[in-house]
Amino acid sequence: MTLIECSPYTGRQHQIRVHMFHVKHPIVGDPIYGQREEDIIRFLDKELDAKKRIELSGASRLLLHANELEFELYDSLHHIKSTVDFEQICKESMTAHSQCE
């Protein structure tokens, strides 16, 4: 696994997930991109338990985090920066994943 930083140009839905999947580097924990169709359907129908999701995708959650957001609204520029230690969350998720094996 590799921790990377992406800076999308638009806010298109799933933009980072789709692009990372297409360059053969799906995001850890992604239950949609990079999975078999039958597993995607099981996830969407809430029939995929947490252990199986970890087994298939590498984590119990999507390891994608918006560290900073900047947007204009009503002629004002808004800049929001996260205080979450996402690198630590990733490390904990990798440790939890290795304990499941």
PDB file of N, CA and C in Angstrom:
ATOM      1  N   MET A   1       0.843  -1.177   0.000  1.00  0.00           N
ATOM      2  CA  MET A   1       0.000   0.000   0.000  1.00  0.00           C
ATOM      3  C   MET A   1       0.885   1.235   0.000  1.00  0.00           C
ATOM      4  N   THR A   2       0.380   2.261  -0.646  1.00  0.00           N
ATOM      5  CA  THR A   2       1.107   3.516  -0.741  1.00  0.00           C
ATOM      6  C   THR A   2       0.165   4.659  -0.396  1.00  0.00           C
ATOM      7  N   LEU A   3       0.620   5.564   0.450  1.00  0.00           N
ATOM      8  CA  LEU A   3      -0.152   6.754   0.786  1.00  0.00           C
ATOM      9  C   LEU A   3       0.193   7.817  -0.255  1.00  0.00           C
ATOM     10  N   ILE A   4      -0.815   8.304  -0.973  1.00  0.00           N
ATOM     11  CA  ILE A   4      -0.579   9.330  -1.983  1.00  0.00           C
ATOM     12  C   ILE A   4      -1.497  10.521  -1.743  1.00  0.00           C
ATOM     13  N   GLU A   5      -1.153  11.623  -2.343  1.00  0.00           N
ATOM     14  CA  GLU A   5      -1.984  12.821  -2.280  1.00  0.00           C
ATOM     15  C   GLU A   5      -2.447  13.146  -3.695  1.00  0.00           C
ATOM     16  N   CYS A   6      -3.741  13.320  -3.858  1.00  0.00           N
ATOM     17  CA  CYS A   6      -4.329  13.672  -5.155  1.00  0.00           C
ATOM     18  C   CYS A   6      -4.960  15.051  -5.048  1.00  0.00           C
ATOM     19  N   SER A   7      -4.878  15.789  -6.122  1.00  0.00           N
ATOM     20  CA  SER A   7      -5.502  17.113  -6.172  1.00  0.00           C
ATOM     21  C   SER A   7      -6.399  17.181  -7.404  1.00  0.00           C
ATOM     22  N   PRO A   8      -7.675  16.848  -7.244  1.00  0.00           N
ATOM     23  CA  PRO A   8      -8.582  16.874  -8.401  1.00  0.00           C
ATOM     24  C   PRO A   8      -8.882  18.304  -8.836  1.00  0.00           C
ATOM     25  N   TYR A   9      -9.190  18.449 -10.119  1.00  0.00           N
ATOM     26  CA  TYR A   9      -9.520  19.761 -10.661  1.00  0.00           C
ATOM     27  C   TYR A   9     -11.001  20.067 -10.544  1.00  0.00           C
ATOM     28  N   THR A  10     -11.820  19.034 -10.475  1.00  0.00           N
ATOM     29  CA  THR A  10     -13.257  19.239 -10.382  1.00  0.00           C
ATOM     30  C   THR A  10     -13.787  18.447  -9.192  1.00  0.00           C
ATOM     31  N   GLY A  11     -15.021  18.624  -8.898  1.00  0.00           N
ATOM     32  CA  GLY A  11     -15.644  17.875  -7.819  1.00  0.00           C
ATOM     33  C   GLY A  11     -16.494  16.730  -8.334  1.00  0.00           C
ATOM     34  N   ARG A  12     -16.161  16.205  -9.490  1.00  0.00           N
ATOM     35  CA  ARG A  12     -16.968  15.126 -10.073  1.00  0.00           C
ATOM     36  C   ARG A  12     -17.006  13.932  -9.138  1.00  0.00           C
ATOM     37  N   GLN A  13     -18.176  13.339  -9.031  1.00  0.00           N
ATOM     38  CA  GLN A  13     -18.387  12.199  -8.139  1.00  0.00           C
ATOM     39  C   GLN A  13     -17.461  11.044  -8.505  1.00  0.00           C
ATOM     40  N   HIS A  14     -16.775  10.509  -7.530  1.00  0.00           N
ATOM     41  CA  HIS A  14     -15.905   9.335  -7.655  1.00  0.00           C
ATOM     42  C   HIS A  14     -14.671   9.596  -8.516  1.00  0.00           C
ATOM     43  N   GLN A  15     -14.343  10.845  -8.809  1.00  0.00           N
ATOM     44  CA  GLN A  15     -13.245  11.167  -9.718  1.00  0.00           C
ATOM     45  C   GLN A  15     -11.936  10.500  -9.312  1.00  0.00           C
ATOM     46  N   ILE A  16     -11.539  10.624  -8.066  1.00  0.00           N
ATOM     47  CA  ILE A  16     -10.273  10.037  -7.616  1.00  0.00           C
ATOM     48  C   ILE A  16     -10.361   8.515  -7.659  1.00  0.00           C
ATOM     49  N   ARG A  17     -11.462   7.961  -7.201  1.00  0.00           N
ATOM     50  CA  ARG A  17     -11.630   6.500  -7.188  1.00  0.00           C
ATOM     51  C   ARG A  17     -11.539   5.917  -8.593  1.00  0.00           C
ATOM     52  N   VAL A  18     -12.190   6.549  -9.553  1.00  0.00           N
ATOM     53  CA  VAL A  18     -12.189   6.061 -10.931  1.00  0.00           C
ATOM     54  C   VAL A  18     -10.786   6.159 -11.529  1.00  0.00           C
ATOM     55  N   HIS A  19     -10.133   7.290 -11.358  1.00  0.00           N
ATOM     56  CA  HIS A  19      -8.802   7.475 -11.947  1.00  0.00           C
ATOM     57  C   HIS A  19      -7.780   6.520 -11.333  1.00  0.00           C
ATOM     58  N   MET A  20      -7.816   6.347 -10.036  1.00  0.00           N
ATOM     59  CA  MET A  20      -6.872   5.423  -9.396  1.00  0.00           C
ATOM     60  C   MET A  20      -7.126   3.984  -9.849  1.00  0.00           C
ATOM     61  N   PHE A  21      -8.376   3.605  -9.989  1.00  0.00           N
ATOM     62  CA  PHE A  21      -8.709   2.272 -10.477  1.00  0.00           C
ATOM     63  C   PHE A  21      -8.163   2.063 -11.892  1.00  0.00           C
ATOM     64  N   HIS A  22      -8.319   3.065 -12.748  1.00  0.00           N
ATOM     65  CA  HIS A  22      -7.893   2.920 -14.142  1.00  0.00           C
ATOM     66  C   HIS A  22      -6.370   2.891 -14.308  1.00  0.00           C
ATOM     67  N   VAL A  23      -5.622   3.384 -13.339  1.00  0.00           N
ATOM     68  CA  VAL A  23      -4.158   3.270 -13.412  1.00  0.00           C
ATOM     69  C   VAL A  23      -3.666   2.077 -12.585  1.00  0.00           C
ATOM     70  N   LYS A  24      -4.584   1.163 -12.285  1.00  0.00           N
ATOM     71  CA  LYS A  24      -4.294  -0.108 -11.601  1.00  0.00           C
ATOM     72  C   LYS A  24      -3.847   0.071 -10.153  1.00  0.00           C
ATOM     73  N   HIS A  25      -4.348   1.122  -9.495  1.00  0.00           N
ATOM     74  CA  HIS A  25      -4.065   1.375  -8.086  1.00  0.00           C
ATOM     75  C   HIS A  25      -5.354   1.751  -7.356  1.00  0.00           C
ATOM     76  N   PRO A  26      -6.295   0.776  -7.232  1.00  0.00           N
ATOM     77  CA  PRO A  26      -7.555   1.107  -6.549  1.00  0.00           C
ATOM     78  C   PRO A  26      -7.303   1.496  -5.097  1.00  0.00           C
ATOM     79  N   ILE A  27      -8.187   2.280  -4.569  1.00  0.00           N
ATOM     80  CA  ILE A  27      -8.063   2.753  -3.191  1.00  0.00           C
ATOM     81  C   ILE A  27      -8.421   1.616  -2.237  1.00  0.00           C
ATOM     82  N   VAL A  28      -7.589   1.443  -1.232  1.00  0.00           N
ATOM     83  CA  VAL A  28      -7.821   0.391  -0.239  1.00  0.00           C
ATOM     84  C   VAL A  28      -9.181   0.615   0.422  1.00  0.00           C
ATOM     85  N   GLY A  29      -9.933  -0.462   0.546  1.00  0.00           N
ATOM     86  CA  GLY A  29     -11.245  -0.393   1.174  1.00  0.00           C
ATOM     87  C   GLY A  29     -12.371  -0.054   0.228  1.00  0.00           C
ATOM     88  N   ASP A  30     -12.066   0.169  -1.055  1.00  0.00           N
ATOM     89  CA  ASP A  30     -13.115   0.535  -2.010  1.00  0.00           C
ATOM     90  C   ASP A  30     -13.965  -0.692  -2.331  1.00  0.00           C
ATOM     91  N   PRO A  31     -15.243  -0.652  -1.973  1.00  0.00           N
ATOM     92  CA  PRO A  31     -16.102  -1.810  -2.211  1.00  0.00           C
ATOM     93  C   PRO A  31     -16.685  -1.860  -3.621  1.00  0.00           C
ATOM     94  N   ILE A  32     -16.408  -0.847  -4.440  1.00  0.00           N
ATOM     95  CA  ILE A  32     -16.994  -0.755  -5.775  1.00  0.00           C
ATOM     96  C   ILE A  32     -15.928  -0.924  -6.864  1.00  0.00           C
ATOM     97  N   TYR A  33     -15.015   0.035  -6.965  1.00  0.00           N
ATOM     98  CA  TYR A  33     -14.016   0.012  -8.036  1.00  0.00           C
ATOM     99  C   TYR A  33     -12.948  -1.028  -7.716  1.00  0.00           C
ATOM    100  N   GLY A  34     -12.744  -1.938  -8.667  1.00  0.00           N
ATOM    101  CA  GLY A  34     -11.745  -2.986  -8.495  1.00  0.00           C
ATOM    102  C   GLY A  34     -12.312  -4.284  -7.964  1.00  0.00           C
ATOM    103  N   GLN A  35     -13.618  -4.339  -7.753  1.00  0.00           N
ATOM    104  CA  GLN A  35     -14.251  -5.545  -7.226  1.00  0.00           C
ATOM    105  C   GLN A  35     -15.024  -6.265  -8.320  1.00  0.00           C
ATOM    106  N   ARG A  36     -15.305  -7.538  -8.088  1.00  0.00           N
ATOM    107  CA  ARG A  36     -16.119  -8.312  -9.023  1.00  0.00           C
ATOM    108  C   ARG A  36     -17.576  -7.842  -8.918  1.00  0.00           C
ATOM    109  N   GLU A  37     -18.297  -7.934 -10.025  1.00  0.00           N
ATOM    110  CA  GLU A  37     -19.678  -7.433 -10.063  1.00  0.00           C
ATOM    111  C   GLU A  37     -20.549  -8.052  -8.979  1.00  0.00           C
ATOM    112  N   GLU A  38     -20.416  -9.365  -8.762  1.00  0.00           N
ATOM    113  CA  GLU A  38     -21.258 -10.005  -7.741  1.00  0.00           C
ATOM    114  C   GLU A  38     -20.946  -9.499  -6.330  1.00  0.00           C
ATOM    115  N   ASP A  39     -19.679  -9.151  -6.067  1.00  0.00           N
ATOM    116  CA  ASP A  39     -19.331  -8.598  -4.751  1.00  0.00           C
ATOM    117  C   ASP A  39     -19.822  -7.163  -4.605  1.00  0.00           C
ATOM    118  N   ILE A  40     -19.810  -6.405  -5.687  1.00  0.00           N
ATOM    119  CA  ILE A  40     -20.346  -5.039  -5.663  1.00  0.00           C
ATOM    120  C   ILE A  40     -21.833  -5.089  -5.327  1.00  0.00           C
ATOM    121  N   ILE A  41     -22.552  -5.982  -5.974  1.00  0.00           N
ATOM    122  CA  ILE A  41     -23.989  -6.124  -5.722  1.00  0.00           C
ATOM    123  C   ILE A  41     -24.234  -6.538  -4.274  1.00  0.00           C
ATOM    124  N   ARG A  42     -23.442  -7.472  -3.764  1.00  0.00           N
ATOM    125  CA  ARG A  42     -23.593  -7.894  -2.368  1.00  0.00           C
ATOM    126  C   ARG A  42     -23.341  -6.724  -1.415  1.00  0.00           C
ATOM    127  N   PHE A  43     -22.343  -5.866  -1.734  1.00  0.00           N
ATOM    128  CA  PHE A  43     -22.073  -4.698  -0.897  1.00  0.00           C
ATOM    129  C   PHE A  43     -23.253  -3.732  -0.946  1.00  0.00           C
ATOM    130  N   LEU A  44     -23.726  -3.409  -2.141  1.00  0.00           N
ATOM    131  CA  LEU A  44     -24.824  -2.451  -2.296  1.00  0.00           C
ATOM    132  C   LEU A  44     -26.114  -2.949  -1.653  1.00  0.00           C
ATOM    133  N   ASP A  45     -26.316  -4.258  -1.665  1.00  0.00           N
ATOM    134  CA  ASP A  45     -27.501  -4.842  -1.043  1.00  0.00           C
ATOM    135  C   ASP A  45     -27.302  -5.115   0.455  1.00  0.00           C
ATOM    136  N   LYS A  46     -26.153  -4.650   0.991  1.00  0.00           N
ATOM    137  CA  LYS A  46     -25.813  -4.812   2.415  1.00  0.00           C
ATOM    138  C   LYS A  46     -25.761  -6.278   2.834  1.00  0.00           C
ATOM    139  N   GLU A  47     -25.294  -7.136   1.911  1.00  0.00           N
ATOM    140  CA  GLU A  47     -25.161  -8.561   2.179  1.00  0.00           C
ATOM    141  C   GLU A  47     -23.703  -8.976   2.371  1.00  0.00           C
ATOM    142  N   LEU A  48     -22.783  -8.014   2.371  1.00  0.00           N
ATOM    143  CA  LEU A  48     -21.363  -8.288   2.511  1.00  0.00           C
ATOM    144  C   LEU A  48     -20.948  -7.933   3.930  1.00  0.00           C
ATOM    145  N   ASP A  49     -20.567  -8.939   4.724  1.00  0.00           N
ATOM    146  CA  ASP A  49     -20.209  -8.642   6.108  1.00  0.00           C
ATOM    147  C   ASP A  49     -18.827  -7.972   6.175  1.00  0.00           C
ATOM    148  N   ALA A  50     -18.513  -7.390   7.338  1.00  0.00           N
ATOM    149  CA  ALA A  50     -17.283  -6.608   7.512  1.00  0.00           C
ATOM    150  C   ALA A  50     -16.036  -7.440   7.242  1.00  0.00           C
ATOM    151  N   LYS A  51     -16.020  -8.674   7.701  1.00  0.00           N
ATOM    152  CA  LYS A  51     -14.844  -9.527   7.504  1.00  0.00           C
ATOM    153  C   LYS A  51     -14.597  -9.787   6.024  1.00  0.00           C
ATOM    154  N   LYS A  52     -15.657 -10.054   5.270  1.00  0.00           N
ATOM    155  CA  LYS A  52     -15.521 -10.313   3.835  1.00  0.00           C
ATOM    156  C   LYS A  52     -15.098  -9.044   3.105  1.00  0.00           C
ATOM    157  N   ARG A  53     -15.608  -7.884   3.531  1.00  0.00           N
ATOM    158  CA  ARG A  53     -15.203  -6.625   2.900  1.00  0.00           C
ATOM    159  C   ARG A  53     -13.711  -6.395   3.097  1.00  0.00           C
ATOM    160  N   ILE A  54     -13.213  -6.655   4.307  1.00  0.00           N
ATOM    161  CA  ILE A  54     -11.778  -6.512   4.562  1.00  0.00           C
ATOM    162  C   ILE A  54     -10.990  -7.474   3.677  1.00  0.00           C
ATOM    163  N   GLU A  55     -11.466  -8.690   3.577  1.00  0.00           N
ATOM    164  CA  GLU A  55     -10.797  -9.696   2.753  1.00  0.00           C
ATOM    165  C   GLU A  55     -10.727  -9.261   1.287  1.00  0.00           C
ATOM    166  N   LEU A  56     -11.809  -8.721   0.760  1.00  0.00           N
ATOM    167  CA  LEU A  56     -11.877  -8.344  -0.656  1.00  0.00           C
ATOM    168  C   LEU A  56     -11.168  -7.029  -0.971  1.00  0.00           C
ATOM    169  N   SER A  57     -11.303  -6.029  -0.080  1.00  0.00           N
ATOM    170  CA  SER A  57     -10.822  -4.688  -0.420  1.00  0.00           C
ATOM    171  C   SER A  57      -9.631  -4.217   0.400  1.00  0.00           C
ATOM    172  N   GLY A  58      -9.308  -4.925   1.483  1.00  0.00           N
ATOM    173  CA  GLY A  58      -8.143  -4.550   2.277  1.00  0.00           C
ATOM    174  C   GLY A  58      -8.438  -3.718   3.503  1.00  0.00           C
ATOM    175  N   ALA A  59      -9.677  -3.272   3.684  1.00  0.00           N
ATOM    176  CA  ALA A  59     -10.019  -2.459   4.855  1.00  0.00           C
ATOM    177  C   ALA A  59     -11.527  -2.486   5.069  1.00  0.00           C
ATOM    178  N   SER A  60     -11.932  -2.134   6.275  1.00  0.00           N
ATOM    179  CA  SER A  60     -13.357  -2.126   6.601  1.00  0.00           C
ATOM    180  C   SER A  60     -14.047  -0.847   6.148  1.00  0.00           C
ATOM    181  N   ARG A  61     -13.265   0.107   5.634  1.00  0.00           N
ATOM    182  CA  ARG A  61     -13.821   1.368   5.148  1.00  0.00           C
ATOM    183  C   ARG A  61     -12.985   1.861   3.981  1.00  0.00           C
ATOM    184  N   LEU A  62     -13.517   2.781   3.232  1.00  0.00           N
ATOM    185  CA  LEU A  62     -12.790   3.386   2.126  1.00  0.00           C
ATOM    186  C   LEU A  62     -11.705   4.291   2.697  1.00  0.00           C
ATOM    187  N   LEU A  63     -10.450   4.032   2.355  1.00  0.00           N
ATOM    188  CA  LEU A  63      -9.356   4.847   2.877  1.00  0.00           C
ATOM    189  C   LEU A  63      -9.080   6.019   1.936  1.00  0.00           C
ATOM    190  N   LEU A  64     -10.070   6.896   1.874  1.00  0.00           N
ATOM    191  CA  LEU A  64     -10.013   8.114   1.079  1.00  0.00           C
ATOM    192  C   LEU A  64     -10.451   9.246   2.000  1.00  0.00           C
ATOM    193  N   HIS A  65      -9.663  10.310   2.037  1.00  0.00           N
ATOM    194  CA  HIS A  65      -9.915  11.384   2.997  1.00  0.00           C
ATOM    195  C   HIS A  65      -9.654  12.735   2.340  1.00  0.00           C
ATOM    196  N   ALA A  66     -10.575  13.648   2.505  1.00  0.00           N
ATOM    197  CA  ALA A  66     -10.369  15.015   2.021  1.00  0.00           C
ATOM    198  C   ALA A  66      -9.621  15.792   3.082  1.00  0.00           C
ATOM    199  N   ASN A  67      -8.338  16.024   2.852  1.00  0.00           N
ATOM    200  CA  ASN A  67      -7.517  16.749   3.814  1.00  0.00           C
ATOM    201  C   ASN A  67      -7.808  18.245   3.783  1.00  0.00           C
ATOM    202  N   GLU A  68      -8.060  18.768   2.583  1.00  0.00           N
ATOM    203  CA  GLU A  68      -8.392  20.182   2.430  1.00  0.00           C
ATOM    204  C   GLU A  68      -9.445  20.341   1.350  1.00  0.00           C
ATOM    205  N   LEU A  69     -10.329  21.285   1.558  1.00  0.00           N
ATOM    206  CA  LEU A  69     -11.327  21.640   0.549  1.00  0.00           C
ATOM    207  C   LEU A  69     -11.306  23.145   0.367  1.00  0.00           C
ATOM    208  N   GLU A  70     -11.452  23.569  -0.868  1.00  0.00           N
ATOM    209  CA  GLU A  70     -11.542  24.995  -1.149  1.00  0.00           C
ATOM    210  C   GLU A  70     -12.600  25.185  -2.220  1.00  0.00           C
ATOM    211  N   PHE A  71     -13.505  26.093  -1.962  1.00  0.00           N
ATOM    212  CA  PHE A  71     -14.572  26.340  -2.922  1.00  0.00           C
ATOM    213  C   PHE A  71     -15.096  27.758  -2.737  1.00  0.00           C
ATOM    214  N   GLU A  72     -15.750  28.247  -3.790  1.00  0.00           N
ATOM    215  CA  GLU A  72     -16.352  29.566  -3.753  1.00  0.00           C
ATOM    216  C   GLU A  72     -17.855  29.398  -3.628  1.00  0.00           C
ATOM    217  N   LEU A  73     -18.446  30.167  -2.728  1.00  0.00           N
ATOM    218  CA  LEU A  73     -19.891  30.129  -2.515  1.00  0.00           C
ATOM    219  C   LEU A  73     -20.361  31.537  -2.181  1.00  0.00           C
ATOM    220  N   TYR A  74     -21.328  32.017  -2.917  1.00  0.00           N
ATOM    221  CA  TYR A  74     -21.876  33.356  -2.705  1.00  0.00           C
ATOM    222  C   TYR A  74     -20.780  34.422  -2.691  1.00  0.00           C
ATOM    223  N   ASP A  75     -19.898  34.342  -3.667  1.00  0.00           N
ATOM    224  CA  ASP A  75     -18.808  35.309  -3.853  1.00  0.00           C
ATOM    225  C   ASP A  75     -17.793  35.317  -2.716  1.00  0.00           C
ATOM    226  N   SER A  76     -17.776  34.244  -1.919  1.00  0.00           N
ATOM    227  CA  SER A  76     -16.769  34.118  -0.859  1.00  0.00           C
ATOM    228  C   SER A  76     -15.980  32.836  -1.064  1.00  0.00           C
ATOM    229  N   LEU A  77     -14.668  32.925  -0.866  1.00  0.00           N
ATOM    230  CA  LEU A  77     -13.819  31.747  -0.969  1.00  0.00           C
ATOM    231  C   LEU A  77     -13.743  31.076   0.401  1.00  0.00           C
ATOM    232  N   HIS A  78     -14.020  29.792   0.438  1.00  0.00           N
ATOM    233  CA  HIS A  78     -13.989  29.021   1.679  1.00  0.00           C
ATOM    234  C   HIS A  78     -12.860  27.999   1.603  1.00  0.00           C
ATOM    235  N   HIS A  79     -12.080  27.910   2.660  1.00  0.00           N
ATOM    236  CA  HIS A  79     -10.972  26.950   2.724  1.00  0.00           C
ATOM    237  C   HIS A  79     -11.106  26.190   4.044  1.00  0.00           C
ATOM    238  N   ILE A  80     -11.215  24.872   3.944  1.00  0.00           N
ATOM    239  CA  ILE A  80     -11.396  24.030   5.127  1.00  0.00           C
ATOM    240  C   ILE A  80     -10.249  23.034   5.166  1.00  0.00           C
ATOM    241  N   LYS A  81      -9.597  22.911   6.309  1.00  0.00           N
ATOM    242  CA  LYS A  81      -8.489  21.962   6.483  1.00  0.00           C
ATOM    243  C   LYS A  81      -8.846  20.999   7.607  1.00  0.00           C
ATOM    244  N   SER A  82      -8.665  19.716   7.344  1.00  0.00           N
ATOM    245  CA  SER A  82      -8.982  18.674   8.313  1.00  0.00           C
ATOM    246  C   SER A  82      -7.954  18.631   9.440  1.00  0.00           C
ATOM    247  N   THR A  83      -8.409  18.252  10.604  1.00  0.00           N
ATOM    248  CA  THR A  83      -7.504  18.049  11.735  1.00  0.00           C
ATOM    249  C   THR A  83      -7.311  16.561  12.027  1.00  0.00           C
ATOM    250  N   VAL A  84      -7.876  15.711  11.181  1.00  0.00           N
ATOM    251  CA  VAL A  84      -7.787  14.259  11.351  1.00  0.00           C
ATOM    252  C   VAL A  84      -6.401  13.774  10.929  1.00  0.00           C
ATOM    253  N   ASP A  85      -5.805  12.884  11.711  1.00  0.00           N
ATOM    254  CA  ASP A  85      -4.523  12.273  11.361  1.00  0.00           C
ATOM    255  C   ASP A  85      -4.812  11.046  10.499  1.00  0.00           C
ATOM    256  N   PHE A  86      -5.021  11.285   9.204  1.00  0.00           N
ATOM    257  CA  PHE A  86      -5.424  10.208   8.306  1.00  0.00           C
ATOM    258  C   PHE A  86      -4.329   9.163   8.126  1.00  0.00           C
ATOM    259  N   GLU A  87      -3.087   9.574   8.173  1.00  0.00           N
ATOM    260  CA  GLU A  87      -1.982   8.613   8.063  1.00  0.00           C
ATOM    261  C   GLU A  87      -2.056   7.593   9.201  1.00  0.00           C
ATOM    262  N   GLN A  88      -2.382   8.043  10.401  1.00  0.00           N
ATOM    263  CA  GLN A  88      -2.528   7.136  11.537  1.00  0.00           C
ATOM    264  C   GLN A  88      -3.720   6.197  11.336  1.00  0.00           C
ATOM    265  N   ILE A  89      -4.818   6.721  10.821  1.00  0.00           N
ATOM    266  CA  ILE A  89      -5.989   5.887  10.542  1.00  0.00           C
ATOM    267  C   ILE A  89      -5.617   4.794   9.545  1.00  0.00           C
ATOM    268  N   CYS A  90      -4.857   5.142   8.522  1.00  0.00           N
ATOM    269  CA  CYS A  90      -4.424   4.153   7.521  1.00  0.00           C
ATOM    270  C   CYS A  90      -3.554   3.085   8.159  1.00  0.00           C
ATOM    271  N   LYS A  91      -2.615   3.501   8.996  1.00  0.00           N
ATOM    272  CA  LYS A  91      -1.735   2.533   9.666  1.00  0.00           C
ATOM    273  C   LYS A  91      -2.547   1.584  10.534  1.00  0.00           C
ATOM    274  N   GLU A  92      -3.522   2.116  11.268  1.00  0.00           N
ATOM    275  CA  GLU A  92      -4.367   1.271  12.112  1.00  0.00           C
ATOM    276  C   GLU A  92      -5.188   0.304  11.268  1.00  0.00           C
ATOM    277  N   SER A  93      -5.663   0.772  10.116  1.00  0.00           N
ATOM    278  CA  SER A  93      -6.442  -0.089   9.240  1.00  0.00           C
ATOM    279  C   SER A  93      -5.579  -1.206   8.667  1.00  0.00           C
ATOM    280  N   MET A  94      -4.325  -0.892   8.324  1.00  0.00           N
ATOM    281  CA  MET A  94      -3.434  -1.917   7.793  1.00  0.00           C
ATOM    282  C   MET A  94      -3.114  -2.949   8.862  1.00  0.00           C
ATOM    283  N   THR A  95      -2.951  -2.502  10.104  1.00  0.00           N
ATOM    284  CA  THR A  95      -2.684  -3.421  11.203  1.00  0.00           C
ATOM    285  C   THR A  95      -3.888  -4.326  11.422  1.00  0.00           C
ATOM    286  N   ALA A  96      -5.084  -3.752  11.400  1.00  0.00           N
ATOM    287  CA  ALA A  96      -6.313  -4.541  11.581  1.00  0.00           C
ATOM    288  C   ALA A  96      -6.451  -5.551  10.439  1.00  0.00           C
ATOM    289  N   HIS A  97      -6.078  -5.139   9.226  1.00  0.00           N
ATOM    290  CA  HIS A  97      -6.171  -6.040   8.071  1.00  0.00           C
ATOM    291  C   HIS A  97      -5.212  -7.210   8.229  1.00  0.00           C
ATOM    292  N   SER A  98      -3.987  -6.942   8.659  1.00  0.00           N
ATOM    293  CA  SER A  98      -3.014  -8.036   8.787  1.00  0.00           C
ATOM    294  C   SER A  98      -3.401  -9.013   9.885  1.00  0.00           C
ATOM    295  N   GLN A  99      -4.147  -8.538  10.883  1.00  0.00           N
ATOM    296  CA  GLN A  99      -4.598  -9.430  11.960  1.00  0.00           C
ATOM    297  C   GLN A  99      -5.716 -10.339  11.503  1.00  0.00           C
ATOM    298  N   CYS A 100      -6.413  -9.976  10.410  1.00  0.00           N
ATOM    299  CA  CYS A 100      -7.496 -10.799   9.884  1.00  0.00           C
ATOM    300  C   CYS A 100      -6.976 -11.958   9.044  1.00  0.00           C
ATOM    301  N   GLU A 101      -5.725 -11.872   8.622  1.00  0.00           N
ATOM    302  CA  GLU A 101      -5.167 -12.913   7.734  1.00  0.00           C
ATOM    303  C   GLU A 101      -4.717 -14.120   8.504  1.00  0.00           C
TER     304      GLU A 101
END
